[in-house]
């Protein structure tokens, strides 16, 4: 069986709507420049606040992708 190597990066996605949309935004943005993404793991969820108002939802997302050796 061939051996594989993966790299893991951490991103922070944001959305004015929800944590789910924040995570999706992180994955979608990463997909613009990263190939062979395999796993997205949601870490910390938080919100940016202005007094008692929620300005945006934020999600820390770890994304792994396969390293291609040629």
C-alpha atoms as a PDB file:
ATOM      1  CA  UNK A   1       0.000   0.000   0.000  1.00  0.00           C
ATOM      2  CA  UNK A   2       1.466   3.407  -0.926  1.00  0.00           C
ATOM      3  CA  UNK A   3       2.223   5.736   1.941  1.00  0.00           C
ATOM      4  CA  UNK A   4       0.473   9.112   2.165  1.00  0.00           C
ATOM      5  CA  UNK A   5       1.398  12.340   3.916  1.00  0.00           C
ATOM      6  CA  UNK A   6      -1.102  15.013   4.906  1.00  0.00           C
ATOM      7  CA  UNK A   7      -0.678  18.613   6.000  1.00  0.00           C
ATOM      8  CA  UNK A   8      -3.055  20.234   8.492  1.00  0.00           C
ATOM      9  CA  UNK A   9      -3.748  23.971   8.514  1.00  0.00           C
ATOM     10  CA  UNK A  10      -6.032  26.015  10.725  1.00  0.00           C
ATOM     11  CA  UNK A  11      -8.318  28.718   9.349  1.00  0.00           C
ATOM     12  CA  UNK A  12     -10.906  31.029  10.869  1.00  0.00           C
ATOM     13  CA  UNK A  13     -14.077  31.471   8.837  1.00  0.00           C
ATOM     14  CA  UNK A  14     -16.681  34.110   9.591  1.00  0.00           C
ATOM     15  CA  UNK A  15     -20.305  34.782   8.740  1.00  0.00           C
ATOM     16  CA  UNK A  16     -22.951  37.267   9.833  1.00  0.00           C
ATOM     17  CA  UNK A  17     -25.513  34.423   9.689  1.00  0.00           C
ATOM     18  CA  UNK A  18     -24.300  31.305  11.582  1.00  0.00           C
ATOM     19  CA  UNK A  19     -21.375  29.179  12.764  1.00  0.00           C
ATOM     20  CA  UNK A  20     -22.234  26.631  10.078  1.00  0.00           C
ATOM     21  CA  UNK A  21     -21.883  29.270   7.368  1.00  0.00           C
ATOM     22  CA  UNK A  22     -18.636  30.461   8.965  1.00  0.00           C
ATOM     23  CA  UNK A  23     -17.172  26.941   8.735  1.00  0.00           C
ATOM     24  CA  UNK A  24     -18.408  26.527   5.162  1.00  0.00           C
ATOM     25  CA  UNK A  25     -16.805  29.854   4.206  1.00  0.00           C
ATOM     26  CA  UNK A  26     -13.442  28.674   5.555  1.00  0.00           C
ATOM     27  CA  UNK A  27     -13.609  25.420   3.573  1.00  0.00           C
ATOM     28  CA  UNK A  28     -14.833  27.118   0.411  1.00  0.00           C
ATOM     29  CA  UNK A  29     -12.063  29.742   0.553  1.00  0.00           C
ATOM     30  CA  UNK A  30      -9.395  27.099   1.179  1.00  0.00           C
ATOM     31  CA  UNK A  31     -10.674  25.113  -1.792  1.00  0.00           C
ATOM     32  CA  UNK A  32      -9.790  27.982  -4.115  1.00  0.00           C
ATOM     33  CA  UNK A  33      -6.071  27.260  -3.701  1.00  0.00           C
ATOM     34  CA  UNK A  34      -5.755  23.830  -2.026  1.00  0.00           C
ATOM     35  CA  UNK A  35      -6.277  20.523  -3.810  1.00  0.00           C
ATOM     36  CA  UNK A  36      -7.048  17.112  -2.324  1.00  0.00           C
ATOM     37  CA  UNK A  37      -8.666  18.383   0.877  1.00  0.00           C
ATOM     38  CA  UNK A  38      -9.695  15.369   2.965  1.00  0.00           C
ATOM     39  CA  UNK A  39     -10.996  16.346   6.400  1.00  0.00           C
ATOM     40  CA  UNK A  40     -12.388  19.517   7.978  1.00  0.00           C
ATOM     41  CA  UNK A  41     -12.515  19.536  11.770  1.00  0.00           C
ATOM     42  CA  UNK A  42     -14.434  22.248  13.614  1.00  0.00           C
ATOM     43  CA  UNK A  43     -12.607  23.572  16.664  1.00  0.00           C
ATOM     44  CA  UNK A  44     -13.546  26.694  18.574  1.00  0.00           C
ATOM     45  CA  UNK A  45     -16.758  28.572  17.868  1.00  0.00           C
ATOM     46  CA  UNK A  46     -17.006  32.202  18.932  1.00  0.00           C
ATOM     47  CA  UNK A  47     -18.777  35.444  18.130  1.00  0.00           C
ATOM     48  CA  UNK A  48     -17.558  38.968  17.552  1.00  0.00           C
ATOM     49  CA  UNK A  49     -19.705  41.316  19.653  1.00  0.00           C
ATOM     50  CA  UNK A  50     -20.619  44.990  19.777  1.00  0.00           C
ATOM     51  CA  UNK A  51     -21.998  45.370  23.303  1.00  0.00           C
ATOM     52  CA  UNK A  52     -24.869  42.848  23.292  1.00  0.00           C
ATOM     53  CA  UNK A  53     -25.186  42.621  19.491  1.00  0.00           C
ATOM     54  CA  UNK A  54     -23.588  39.777  17.507  1.00  0.00           C
ATOM     55  CA  UNK A  55     -21.541  41.200  14.627  1.00  0.00           C
ATOM     56  CA  UNK A  56     -20.410  37.871  13.218  1.00  0.00           C
ATOM     57  CA  UNK A  57     -20.006  34.178  13.975  1.00  0.00           C
ATOM     58  CA  UNK A  58     -16.508  32.676  13.732  1.00  0.00           C
ATOM     59  CA  UNK A  59     -15.377  29.065  13.432  1.00  0.00           C
ATOM     60  CA  UNK A  60     -11.812  27.740  13.710  1.00  0.00           C
ATOM     61  CA  UNK A  61     -11.486  24.942  11.180  1.00  0.00           C
ATOM     62  CA  UNK A  62      -8.584  22.508  10.773  1.00  0.00           C
ATOM     63  CA  UNK A  63      -8.321  21.284   7.193  1.00  0.00           C
ATOM     64  CA  UNK A  64      -6.130  18.418   6.066  1.00  0.00           C
ATOM     65  CA  UNK A  65      -4.969  17.854   2.534  1.00  0.00           C
ATOM     66  CA  UNK A  66      -2.781  15.297   0.841  1.00  0.00           C
ATOM     67  CA  UNK A  67       0.802  16.208  -0.017  1.00  0.00           C
ATOM     68  CA  UNK A  68       1.519  15.128  -3.571  1.00  0.00           C
ATOM     69  CA  UNK A  69       5.047  13.898  -4.217  1.00  0.00           C
ATOM     70  CA  UNK A  70       6.179  13.652  -7.801  1.00  0.00           C
END
